[in-house]
Amino acid sequence: MNSEWIRDNIRLALGFIYITGNGQLGDLASRPVITTSRYRSNPPRYVIVEGRKVRRHAFPLNISQTRPAGASHPLINECDYHLVPWRRAINSTGEPFRSWILYCYGDYRYHREQLNVVPHIWEMFLSRQSDRRISGKVKQRLQALAWLTVQVVAGEIKGDDREYNYAELGGMIGVTDDNWRMRYENYWLDLLAVCHELDVMALRKVEWQRREIRAMQSCLAV
């Protein structure tokens, strides 16, 4: 799996794409202009149909084109057309993959997706700690770290690496440096591993969904 290639296409699919053009109003303005006018004298109100004289219900129009039409415009931009399978794949991955992709690879519009991501990260983390007994107070502190790990890994994906030392991490949850190293460092590393694992799973899910969509499109095109 080419992870970087998948990441680049996901970023394009979720990002703003500015395309120079006239827009809908400009497209309407570029259409050929025609003038319509009624026949000025004695319009032909009757026609012969199968030997019978039939009266028309409306006046015919004399239409003339006053400006030639420009080049035709495609209904969808080529770049947008290329990204359609990616967008459909992202939206069909399901949770928590969809929220993870939107939060980590999208822009500020998807910032609220973190609210959907953190509970899944926490559940995955707890499933790995089944052989450990964690007190309620420690769990409260670890839940705060779960929010931070999601932000840290998302920052790494977006190229905004932010490293925290023991003093900073311990200060965020109200423990000393020694207490952090003895009791919380391994939990922190486990949370980071869960986030990276979810990222790999989400990328594979998106790529698999994209292949399915492309295969379906190929079958419909035949």
Protein backbone atom coordinates (compact mmCIF):
# COMPACT_ATOMS: atom_id res chain seq x y z
CA MET A 1 0.00 0.00 0.00
CA ASN A 2 1.39 3.36 -1.09
CA SER A 3 0.38 5.36 1.96
CA GLU A 4 1.72 8.72 0.81
CA TRP A 5 -0.07 8.47 -2.54
CA ILE A 6 -3.33 7.69 -0.76
CA ARG A 7 -2.78 10.56 1.68
CA ASP A 8 -2.15 13.04 -1.15
CA ASN A 9 -5.36 12.07 -2.95
CA ILE A 10 -7.36 12.25 0.27
CA ARG A 11 -6.05 15.75 0.95
CA LEU A 12 -7.04 16.83 -2.56
CA ALA A 13 -10.48 15.29 -2.21
CA LEU A 14 -11.12 17.08 1.08
CA GLY A 15 -9.49 20.39 0.26
CA PHE A 16 -10.71 23.50 -1.50
CA ILE A 17 -9.99 23.44 -5.23
CA TYR A 18 -10.06 26.81 -6.93
CA ILE A 19 -10.69 26.62 -10.66
CA THR A 20 -10.57 29.71 -12.82
CA GLY A 21 -13.74 30.21 -14.78
CA ASN A 22 -16.73 32.41 -15.25
CA GLY A 23 -19.04 30.47 -12.96
CA GLN A 24 -22.70 29.83 -13.62
CA LEU A 25 -23.57 33.46 -14.34
CA GLY A 26 -20.64 33.82 -16.67
CA ASP A 27 -21.57 30.61 -18.44
CA LEU A 28 -25.10 31.90 -19.01
CA ALA A 29 -23.72 35.17 -20.32
CA SER A 30 -21.50 33.33 -22.80
CA ARG A 31 -24.40 31.49 -24.37
CA PRO A 32 -25.54 32.64 -27.82
CA VAL A 33 -27.88 35.61 -27.76
CA ILE A 34 -31.04 35.39 -29.83
CA THR A 35 -33.81 37.83 -30.62
CA THR A 36 -37.40 36.82 -31.03
CA SER A 37 -40.07 38.78 -32.82
CA ARG A 38 -43.45 38.00 -34.30
CA TYR A 39 -44.06 38.16 -37.98
CA ARG A 40 -45.07 41.73 -38.62
CA SER A 41 -47.64 41.16 -41.36
CA ASN A 42 -50.21 38.42 -41.72
CA PRO A 43 -48.48 35.57 -39.85
CA PRO A 44 -49.23 32.09 -41.22
CA ARG A 45 -51.93 30.97 -38.80
CA TYR A 46 -53.02 27.93 -40.84
CA VAL A 47 -51.12 24.86 -41.98
CA ILE A 48 -52.11 21.91 -44.14
CA VAL A 49 -51.96 18.58 -42.32
CA GLU A 50 -52.97 15.44 -44.27
CA GLY A 51 -55.03 17.50 -46.66
CA ARG A 52 -56.80 19.42 -43.92
CA LYS A 53 -56.40 23.04 -43.00
CA VAL A 54 -55.49 23.39 -39.31
CA ARG A 55 -55.42 26.63 -37.37
CA ARG A 56 -52.44 27.20 -35.10
CA HIS A 57 -52.99 28.14 -31.47
CA ALA A 58 -50.07 30.55 -31.25
CA PHE A 59 -48.12 32.91 -33.40
CA PRO A 60 -44.87 31.54 -34.82
CA LEU A 61 -41.67 33.29 -33.76
CA ASN A 62 -38.95 34.56 -35.99
CA ILE A 63 -35.69 33.77 -34.16
CA SER A 64 -32.29 34.99 -35.22
CA GLN A 65 -28.97 34.53 -33.45
CA THR A 66 -27.15 37.78 -32.88
CA ARG A 67 -23.92 36.41 -31.42
CA PRO A 68 -22.13 33.13 -32.14
CA ALA A 69 -21.85 30.62 -29.34
CA GLY A 70 -18.52 30.08 -27.61
CA ALA A 71 -16.83 26.81 -26.78
CA SER A 72 -18.91 24.32 -24.83
CA HIS A 73 -18.04 23.79 -21.17
CA PRO A 74 -17.94 20.35 -19.51
CA LEU A 75 -20.54 19.69 -16.85
CA ILE A 76 -17.84 18.72 -14.33
CA ASN A 77 -14.21 19.68 -14.10
CA GLU A 78 -11.70 16.95 -14.93
CA CYS A 79 -9.98 17.26 -11.55
CA ASP A 80 -13.30 17.00 -9.70
CA TYR A 81 -14.24 13.98 -11.79
CA HIS A 82 -10.99 12.27 -10.84
CA LEU A 83 -11.62 12.91 -7.14
CA VAL A 84 -15.23 11.66 -7.09
CA PRO A 85 -14.26 8.03 -6.26
CA TRP A 86 -12.08 9.27 -3.40
CA ARG A 87 -14.84 11.38 -1.89
CA ARG A 88 -17.34 8.58 -2.17
CA ALA A 89 -14.83 6.16 -0.64
CA ILE A 90 -14.21 8.46 2.33
CA ASN A 91 -17.92 8.88 3.01
CA SER A 92 -18.57 5.14 2.78
CA THR A 93 -15.80 3.94 5.10
CA GLY A 94 -17.98 4.15 8.21
CA GLU A 95 -16.98 5.11 11.72
CA PRO A 96 -14.44 5.66 13.15
CA PHE A 97 -12.50 5.70 9.86
CA ARG A 98 -14.55 8.47 8.27
CA SER A 99 -14.17 10.83 11.24
CA TRP A 100 -10.46 10.07 11.50
CA ILE A 101 -9.87 10.82 7.81
CA LEU A 102 -11.89 14.03 7.92
CA TYR A 103 -10.17 15.31 11.07
CA CYS A 104 -6.58 14.38 10.21
CA TYR A 105 -6.59 15.12 6.47
CA GLY A 106 -9.25 17.81 6.13
CA ASP A 107 -9.07 21.49 6.92
CA TYR A 108 -10.68 23.59 9.65
CA ARG A 109 -14.19 22.62 8.47
CA TYR A 110 -13.73 19.14 9.93
CA HIS A 111 -12.28 20.13 13.31
CA ARG A 112 -15.39 18.95 15.17
CA GLU A 113 -14.78 15.39 13.93
CA GLN A 114 -12.35 15.05 16.84
CA LEU A 115 -15.39 14.63 19.08
CA ASN A 116 -16.19 11.42 17.19
CA VAL A 117 -12.61 10.17 17.02
CA VAL A 118 -11.54 10.34 20.67
CA PRO A 119 -14.19 7.90 22.05
CA HIS A 120 -13.08 5.26 19.54
CA ILE A 121 -9.42 5.81 20.41
CA TRP A 122 -10.28 5.42 24.08
CA GLU A 123 -12.17 2.17 23.51
CA MET A 124 -9.32 0.73 21.44
CA PHE A 125 -6.87 1.74 24.17
CA LEU A 126 -8.91 0.10 26.95
CA SER A 127 -9.20 -3.13 24.96
CA ARG A 128 -5.41 -3.36 25.02
CA GLN A 129 -5.26 -2.80 28.78
CA SER A 130 -7.49 -5.71 29.76
CA ASP A 131 -4.63 -7.33 31.68
CA ARG A 132 -3.90 -4.15 33.66
CA ARG A 133 -5.81 -2.70 36.56
CA ILE A 134 -6.24 1.06 36.15
CA SER A 135 -7.69 3.17 38.94
CA GLY A 136 -10.44 5.67 38.29
CA LYS A 137 -8.19 8.67 38.92
CA VAL A 138 -5.60 7.41 36.47
CA LYS A 139 -8.32 6.79 33.88
CA GLN A 140 -9.46 10.39 34.15
CA ARG A 141 -5.94 11.58 33.44
CA LEU A 142 -5.54 9.14 30.57
CA GLN A 143 -8.76 10.36 28.99
CA ALA A 144 -7.25 13.84 28.85
CA LEU A 145 -4.17 12.35 27.23
CA ALA A 146 -6.35 10.61 24.64
CA TRP A 147 -7.48 14.00 23.38
CA LEU A 148 -3.89 15.15 23.19
CA THR A 149 -2.62 12.08 21.34
CA VAL A 150 -5.24 12.53 18.62
CA GLN A 151 -4.12 16.14 18.17
CA VAL A 152 -0.45 15.15 18.14
CA VAL A 153 -0.85 12.44 15.49
CA ALA A 154 -3.11 14.66 13.40
CA GLY A 155 -0.42 17.34 13.57
CA GLU A 156 2.20 14.84 12.38
CA ILE A 157 0.02 13.92 9.42
CA LYS A 158 -0.48 17.58 8.52
CA GLY A 159 3.24 18.32 8.85
CA ASP A 160 2.90 20.24 12.11
CA ASP A 161 5.03 18.13 14.42
CA ARG A 162 4.75 19.10 18.06
CA GLU A 163 6.87 17.23 20.58
CA TYR A 164 6.16 17.39 24.31
CA ASN A 165 8.71 16.66 27.01
CA TYR A 166 8.02 14.87 30.30
CA ALA A 167 7.53 18.10 32.21
CA GLU A 168 4.93 19.40 29.76
CA LEU A 169 3.00 16.14 29.60
CA GLY A 170 3.10 15.66 33.34
CA GLY A 171 2.02 19.23 33.95
CA MET A 172 -1.03 18.79 31.71
CA ILE A 173 -2.41 16.06 33.94
CA GLY A 174 -1.01 17.34 37.24
CA VAL A 175 1.76 14.81 37.99
CA THR A 176 5.50 15.13 38.55
CA ASP A 177 8.17 14.14 36.04
CA ASP A 178 9.10 11.01 37.99
CA ASN A 179 5.47 9.98 38.36
CA TRP A 180 4.99 10.44 34.62
CA ARG A 181 7.96 8.26 33.73
CA MET A 182 6.97 5.51 36.15
CA ARG A 183 3.20 5.34 35.62
CA TYR A 184 2.09 7.25 32.53
CA GLU A 185 4.80 7.07 29.89
CA ASN A 186 3.86 3.58 28.71
CA TYR A 187 0.19 4.55 28.57
CA TRP A 188 1.12 7.57 26.47
CA LEU A 189 3.06 5.41 24.03
CA ASP A 190 0.15 2.97 23.83
CA LEU A 191 -2.25 5.80 22.98
CA LEU A 192 0.07 7.01 20.23
CA ALA A 193 0.32 3.47 18.84
CA VAL A 194 -3.48 3.19 18.78
CA CYS A 195 -3.75 6.43 16.80
CA HIS A 196 -1.15 5.32 14.26
CA GLU A 197 -2.87 1.95 13.93
CA LEU A 198 -6.22 3.62 13.30
CA ASP A 199 -4.60 5.80 10.64
CA VAL A 200 -3.25 2.78 8.76
CA MET A 201 -6.59 0.99 9.01
CA ALA A 202 -8.43 4.07 7.73
CA LEU A 203 -6.11 4.44 4.73
CA ARG A 204 -6.55 0.80 3.80
CA LYS A 205 -10.31 1.11 4.15
CA VAL A 206 -10.44 4.17 1.89
CA GLU A 207 -8.29 2.51 -0.77
CA TRP A 208 -10.40 -0.65 -0.68
CA GLN A 209 -13.61 1.36 -1.00
CA ARG A 210 -12.14 3.35 -3.88
CA ARG A 211 -11.24 0.18 -5.76
CA GLU A 212 -14.75 -1.14 -5.26
CA ILE A 213 -16.25 2.09 -6.57
CA ARG A 214 -13.96 2.13 -9.61
CA ALA A 215 -14.78 -1.49 -10.37
CA MET A 216 -18.50 -0.72 -10.15
CA GLN A 217 -18.09 2.24 -12.48
CA SER A 218 -16.22 0.08 -14.97
CA CYS A 219 -19.01 -2.51 -14.94
CA LEU A 220 -21.65 0.16 -15.51
CA ALA A 221 -19.65 1.66 -18.38
CA VAL A 222 -19.51 -1.65 -20.29
